[in-house]
N, C-alpha and C. Protein backbone atom coordinates (compact mmCIF):
# COMPACT_ATOMS: atom_id res chain seq x y z
N MET A 1 -38.11 -12.44 23.32
CA MET A 1 -39.27 -12.45 23.05
C MET A 1 -39.89 -12.84 23.67
N LYS A 2 -41.02 -11.83 24.28
CA LYS A 2 -42.13 -12.22 24.66
C LYS A 2 -43.24 -13.05 24.22
N LYS A 3 -44.11 -13.66 25.01
CA LYS A 3 -45.18 -14.27 24.00
C LYS A 3 -46.03 -13.33 23.12
N ALA A 4 -46.42 -11.72 24.35
CA ALA A 4 -46.81 -10.89 23.46
C ALA A 4 -46.36 -10.24 22.34
N ASP A 5 -45.15 -10.29 21.91
CA ASP A 5 -44.29 -9.91 21.23
C ASP A 5 -44.28 -11.00 19.86
N PHE A 6 -44.41 -12.66 20.32
CA PHE A 6 -44.26 -13.51 19.19
C PHE A 6 -45.88 -13.62 19.06
N ILE A 7 -46.85 -13.28 19.52
CA ILE A 7 -48.28 -13.59 18.97
C ILE A 7 -48.43 -12.53 18.17
N GLN A 8 -47.71 -11.01 17.91
CA GLN A 8 -48.21 -9.52 17.50
C GLN A 8 -47.15 -10.44 16.19
N ALA A 9 -45.90 -11.01 16.21
CA ALA A 9 -45.17 -11.00 15.19
C ALA A 9 -46.16 -12.43 14.15
N VAL A 10 -46.58 -13.23 14.35
CA VAL A 10 -47.67 -14.45 14.28
C VAL A 10 -48.72 -13.66 13.82
N ALA A 11 -49.05 -12.63 14.19
CA ALA A 11 -50.66 -12.24 13.19
C ALA A 11 -50.47 -11.21 12.24
N ASP A 12 -48.76 -10.60 12.17
CA ASP A 12 -48.27 -9.81 11.26
C ASP A 12 -48.20 -10.65 9.88
N LYS A 13 -47.54 -11.79 10.19
CA LYS A 13 -47.30 -12.66 9.24
C LYS A 13 -48.37 -13.57 8.28
N ALA A 14 -49.05 -13.83 9.34
CA ALA A 14 -50.45 -14.20 9.20
C ALA A 14 -51.69 -13.93 8.75
N GLY A 15 -51.80 -12.29 9.04
CA GLY A 15 -53.00 -11.60 8.63
C GLY A 15 -53.94 -11.82 9.04
N LEU A 16 -53.97 -12.45 10.43
CA LEU A 16 -54.22 -12.59 11.53
C LEU A 16 -55.15 -11.47 12.53
N SER A 17 -56.07 -11.23 13.17
CA SER A 17 -55.78 -10.54 14.81
C SER A 17 -55.23 -11.10 15.81
N LYS A 18 -54.73 -10.41 16.32
CA LYS A 18 -53.70 -10.69 17.42
C LYS A 18 -54.40 -11.55 18.24
N LYS A 19 -56.24 -11.73 18.77
CA LYS A 19 -57.00 -12.41 19.58
C LYS A 19 -57.18 -13.82 18.62
N ASP A 20 -57.17 -14.09 17.22
CA ASP A 20 -56.89 -15.36 16.43
C ASP A 20 -55.12 -15.69 16.72
N SER A 21 -54.54 -15.11 16.61
CA SER A 21 -53.21 -15.83 16.41
C SER A 21 -52.87 -16.24 17.99
N LEU A 22 -53.39 -15.34 19.47
CA LEU A 22 -53.16 -15.78 20.02
C LEU A 22 -53.90 -17.11 20.29
N LYS A 23 -55.22 -17.52 19.82
CA LYS A 23 -56.01 -18.90 20.13
C LYS A 23 -55.21 -20.19 19.49
N VAL A 24 -54.14 -19.43 17.93
CA VAL A 24 -53.63 -20.57 17.50
C VAL A 24 -52.38 -20.80 18.37
N VAL A 25 -51.91 -19.92 18.40
CA VAL A 25 -50.33 -20.25 19.75
C VAL A 25 -50.42 -21.16 20.15
N ASP A 26 -51.91 -20.48 21.46
CA ASP A 26 -52.22 -21.46 22.55
C ASP A 26 -52.57 -22.86 22.00
N ALA A 27 -53.24 -23.14 20.73
CA ALA A 27 -53.70 -24.09 20.56
C ALA A 27 -52.53 -25.60 20.00
N ALA A 28 -51.84 -24.91 19.60
CA ALA A 28 -50.78 -25.51 18.72
C ALA A 28 -49.51 -25.85 20.39
N LEU A 29 -49.33 -24.90 21.57
CA LEU A 29 -48.78 -25.37 22.45
C LEU A 29 -49.55 -26.65 23.09
N GLU A 30 -50.74 -26.03 22.97
CA GLU A 30 -51.50 -26.91 24.32
C GLU A 30 -51.16 -28.59 23.48
N THR A 31 -51.12 -28.59 22.39
CA THR A 31 -51.24 -30.19 21.55
C THR A 31 -50.08 -30.62 21.42
N ILE A 32 -48.45 -29.89 21.71
CA ILE A 32 -47.61 -30.38 21.83
C ILE A 32 -47.20 -31.07 23.02
N GLU A 33 -47.90 -30.24 24.07
CA GLU A 33 -47.37 -30.62 25.36
C GLU A 33 -48.48 -31.63 25.54
N GLU A 34 -49.38 -32.04 24.89
CA GLU A 34 -50.30 -33.63 25.06
C GLU A 34 -49.71 -34.65 24.83
N VAL A 35 -49.10 -34.11 23.25
CA VAL A 35 -48.56 -35.14 22.47
C VAL A 35 -47.53 -35.67 23.51
N LEU A 36 -46.36 -34.75 24.27
CA LEU A 36 -45.28 -34.94 24.56
C LEU A 36 -45.63 -36.22 26.11
N LYS A 37 -47.10 -35.28 27.28
CA LYS A 37 -47.26 -36.30 28.19
C LYS A 37 -48.03 -37.77 27.50
N ASN A 38 -48.04 -37.89 26.30
CA ASN A 38 -48.72 -38.83 25.89
C ASN A 38 -47.51 -40.24 25.84
N GLY A 39 -46.28 -39.57 25.76
CA GLY A 39 -44.80 -40.45 25.38
C GLY A 39 -44.83 -40.42 24.24
N ASP A 40 -45.42 -39.63 23.37
CA ASP A 40 -44.77 -39.31 21.74
C ASP A 40 -44.12 -38.30 21.44
N SER A 41 -43.53 -37.87 20.12
CA SER A 41 -42.76 -37.12 20.17
C SER A 41 -43.22 -36.83 18.45
N ILE A 42 -43.02 -35.39 18.40
CA ILE A 42 -43.95 -34.79 17.35
C ILE A 42 -42.82 -33.78 16.59
N SER A 43 -42.62 -34.13 15.26
CA SER A 43 -41.83 -33.88 14.20
C SER A 43 -42.23 -32.79 13.53
N PHE A 44 -41.27 -31.24 12.89
CA PHE A 44 -41.65 -30.16 11.94
C PHE A 44 -40.65 -31.19 11.54
N ILE A 45 -40.44 -31.07 9.62
CA ILE A 45 -39.81 -31.54 9.34
C ILE A 45 -38.91 -29.73 9.06
N GLY A 46 -37.30 -29.77 8.54
CA GLY A 46 -36.37 -28.75 8.74
C GLY A 46 -36.38 -27.69 9.81
N PHE A 47 -37.93 -27.82 10.94
CA PHE A 47 -37.62 -27.20 12.18
C PHE A 47 -36.82 -27.79 13.06
N GLY A 48 -37.31 -29.00 13.32
CA GLY A 48 -36.65 -29.73 14.61
C GLY A 48 -37.95 -31.03 15.63
N THR A 49 -37.64 -31.36 16.29
CA THR A 49 -38.16 -32.67 16.68
C THR A 49 -38.38 -32.80 18.09
N PHE A 50 -40.06 -32.69 18.47
CA PHE A 50 -40.22 -32.52 20.17
C PHE A 50 -39.88 -34.23 20.64
N ALA A 51 -39.63 -34.55 21.61
CA ALA A 51 -39.61 -35.70 22.46
C ALA A 51 -39.38 -35.66 23.93
N THR A 52 -39.78 -36.84 24.94
CA THR A 52 -39.64 -36.86 26.42
C THR A 52 -38.46 -38.21 25.72
N ALA A 53 -37.23 -37.99 27.19
CA ALA A 53 -36.49 -39.16 27.41
C ALA A 53 -36.70 -39.50 29.26
N GLU A 54 -36.34 -40.60 29.05
CA GLU A 54 -36.21 -41.20 30.58
C GLU A 54 -34.88 -40.87 31.14
N ARG A 55 -35.03 -40.71 32.21
CA ARG A 55 -33.55 -40.23 32.99
C ARG A 55 -33.61 -41.54 34.32
N ALA A 56 -32.75 -41.91 33.80
CA ALA A 56 -32.78 -43.16 35.05
C ALA A 56 -32.16 -42.64 36.25
N ALA A 57 -32.91 -43.36 37.75
CA ALA A 57 -32.17 -42.65 39.08
C ALA A 57 -30.56 -42.98 38.67
N ARG A 58 -30.20 -42.28 40.08
CA ARG A 58 -28.39 -41.64 39.73
C ARG A 58 -28.09 -41.81 41.63
N LYS A 59 -27.03 -41.34 41.67
CA LYS A 59 -26.39 -40.82 42.79
C LYS A 59 -25.62 -39.66 42.09
N ALA A 60 -26.07 -38.34 43.09
CA ALA A 60 -25.13 -36.93 42.26
C ALA A 60 -24.58 -36.48 43.76
N ARG A 61 -23.17 -36.13 44.15
CA ARG A 61 -22.38 -35.30 44.74
C ARG A 61 -23.01 -34.05 44.83
N VAL A 62 -23.25 -33.46 46.24
CA VAL A 62 -23.56 -31.81 46.36
C VAL A 62 -22.19 -31.35 45.97
N PRO A 63 -22.45 -30.12 45.23
CA PRO A 63 -20.75 -29.57 44.94
C PRO A 63 -20.23 -29.03 46.50
N GLY A 64 -19.34 -28.61 46.64
CA GLY A 64 -18.65 -28.40 47.68
C GLY A 64 -18.39 -29.08 48.81
N THR A 65 -19.21 -30.36 48.43
CA THR A 65 -19.43 -31.13 49.85
C THR A 65 -18.73 -32.42 49.63
N THR A 66 -19.21 -33.56 50.26
CA THR A 66 -18.78 -34.82 50.21
C THR A 66 -19.94 -35.75 50.18
N LYS A 67 -20.97 -35.23 50.69
CA LYS A 67 -22.84 -35.78 50.58
C LYS A 67 -22.73 -36.19 49.21
N VAL A 68 -23.49 -37.45 49.13
CA VAL A 68 -24.39 -37.96 48.18
C VAL A 68 -25.63 -38.25 48.12
N ILE A 69 -26.35 -37.68 47.59
CA ILE A 69 -27.53 -37.91 47.30
C ILE A 69 -28.20 -38.80 46.36
N ASP A 70 -29.56 -39.09 46.24
CA ASP A 70 -29.90 -39.97 45.80
C ASP A 70 -31.10 -38.75 44.53
N VAL A 71 -31.14 -39.10 43.57
CA VAL A 71 -32.02 -38.13 42.53
C VAL A 71 -32.74 -39.31 41.44
N PRO A 72 -33.98 -39.26 41.96
CA PRO A 72 -35.16 -40.23 41.25
C PRO A 72 -34.77 -40.36 39.69
N ALA A 73 -35.36 -41.23 39.39
CA ALA A 73 -36.03 -41.39 37.74
C ALA A 73 -36.39 -40.45 37.48
N SER A 74 -36.56 -39.62 35.85
CA SER A 74 -37.60 -38.60 35.76
C SER A 74 -37.34 -38.81 34.44
N LYS A 75 -38.36 -38.30 33.27
CA LYS A 75 -38.88 -37.68 32.47
C LYS A 75 -38.55 -36.53 31.97
N ALA A 76 -37.25 -36.33 30.93
CA ALA A 76 -37.57 -34.51 30.71
C ALA A 76 -37.96 -34.46 29.12
N VAL A 77 -38.17 -33.81 28.52
CA VAL A 77 -38.58 -33.12 27.12
C VAL A 77 -36.95 -32.53 26.53
N LYS A 78 -36.99 -33.59 25.21
CA LYS A 78 -35.75 -32.55 24.50
C LYS A 78 -36.78 -32.03 23.28
N PHE A 79 -35.19 -31.56 22.48
CA PHE A 79 -35.60 -30.61 21.37
C PHE A 79 -34.64 -31.27 20.21
N LYS A 80 -34.76 -31.30 19.25
CA LYS A 80 -33.48 -32.20 18.72
C LYS A 80 -33.70 -30.91 17.25
N VAL A 81 -33.08 -29.85 16.84
CA VAL A 81 -33.06 -29.31 16.18
C VAL A 81 -32.98 -29.64 14.83
N GLY A 82 -33.61 -29.05 13.77
CA GLY A 82 -33.72 -29.61 12.15
C GLY A 82 -32.85 -28.74 11.35
N LYS A 83 -32.56 -29.81 10.54
CA LYS A 83 -31.56 -29.14 9.34
C LYS A 83 -31.78 -27.42 9.04
N LYS A 84 -33.01 -27.24 8.57
CA LYS A 84 -33.30 -25.91 8.28
C LYS A 84 -33.09 -24.92 8.85
N LEU A 85 -33.57 -25.37 10.30
CA LEU A 85 -33.39 -24.20 11.47
C LEU A 85 -31.72 -23.87 11.76
N LYS A 86 -31.43 -25.08 11.88
CA LYS A 86 -30.24 -24.68 11.92
C LYS A 86 -29.34 -23.69 11.68
N GLU A 87 -29.51 -24.06 9.62
CA GLU A 87 -28.95 -23.51 9.18
C GLU A 87 -29.02 -22.02 9.40
N ALA A 88 -30.32 -21.78 9.40
CA ALA A 88 -30.89 -20.42 9.54
C ALA A 88 -30.65 -19.50 10.58
N VAL A 89 -30.10 -20.38 11.68
CA VAL A 89 -29.77 -19.36 12.98
C VAL A 89 -28.02 -19.37 12.79
N VAL A 90 -27.76 -20.50 12.16
CA VAL A 90 -26.41 -20.04 11.73
C VAL A 90 -25.73 -19.06 10.63
N ALA A 91 -26.34 -18.82 10.11
CA ALA A 91 -26.37 -17.71 8.97
C ALA A 91 -26.52 -16.41 9.30
N GLY A 92 -27.68 -16.39 10.29
CA GLY A 92 -27.88 -15.60 10.65
C GLY A 92 -27.41 -15.15 11.81
N ALA A 93 -26.28 -15.46 12.64
CA ALA A 93 -25.29 -15.71 13.85
C ALA A 93 -23.96 -14.36 13.11
N GLY A 94 -23.88 -14.84 11.54
CA GLY A 94 -23.03 -14.15 11.14
C GLY A 94 -23.04 -13.12 10.62
N LYS A 95 -24.47 -12.45 10.89
CA LYS A 95 -25.01 -10.85 10.37
C LYS A 95 -24.98 -9.80 11.67
N LYS A 96 -24.93 -10.51 12.37
CA LYS A 96 -25.24 -9.98 13.91
C LYS A 96 -23.74 -9.98 14.67
N GLY A 97 -23.60 -8.79 14.94
CA GLY A 97 -22.93 -8.81 16.43
C GLY A 97 -21.22 -8.45 15.73
N LYS A 98 -20.91 -9.35 15.08
CA LYS A 98 -19.54 -9.56 14.22
C LYS A 98 -19.01 -8.28 14.34
N LYS A 99 -18.11 -8.13 15.02
CA LYS A 99 -17.05 -6.84 14.98
C LYS A 99 -15.61 -7.27 14.38
N LYS A 100 -15.14 -6.31 13.91
CA LYS A 100 -13.58 -6.50 12.96
C LYS A 100 -12.52 -6.13 13.91
């Protein structure tokens, strides 16, 4: 699903115009981004939690060679799936693509 399809789906479910839905979705995504930039996490009960994690500096081997490179420390975004979302996806997986 592309963003335009998502906006349309949100508009249909919420009874909003596509223009208003676009504003809401963009504002929500910007807010999540700001929270993560500040090093905080954001939780949606049943859906999941967005958080950041520190990755330590390390050495890594280049595949296919013996060359070792230094990988600097960095931050990464993590998402932990909530119980309700996980159950919904697992239940939905049984309905699609199942062949006998």
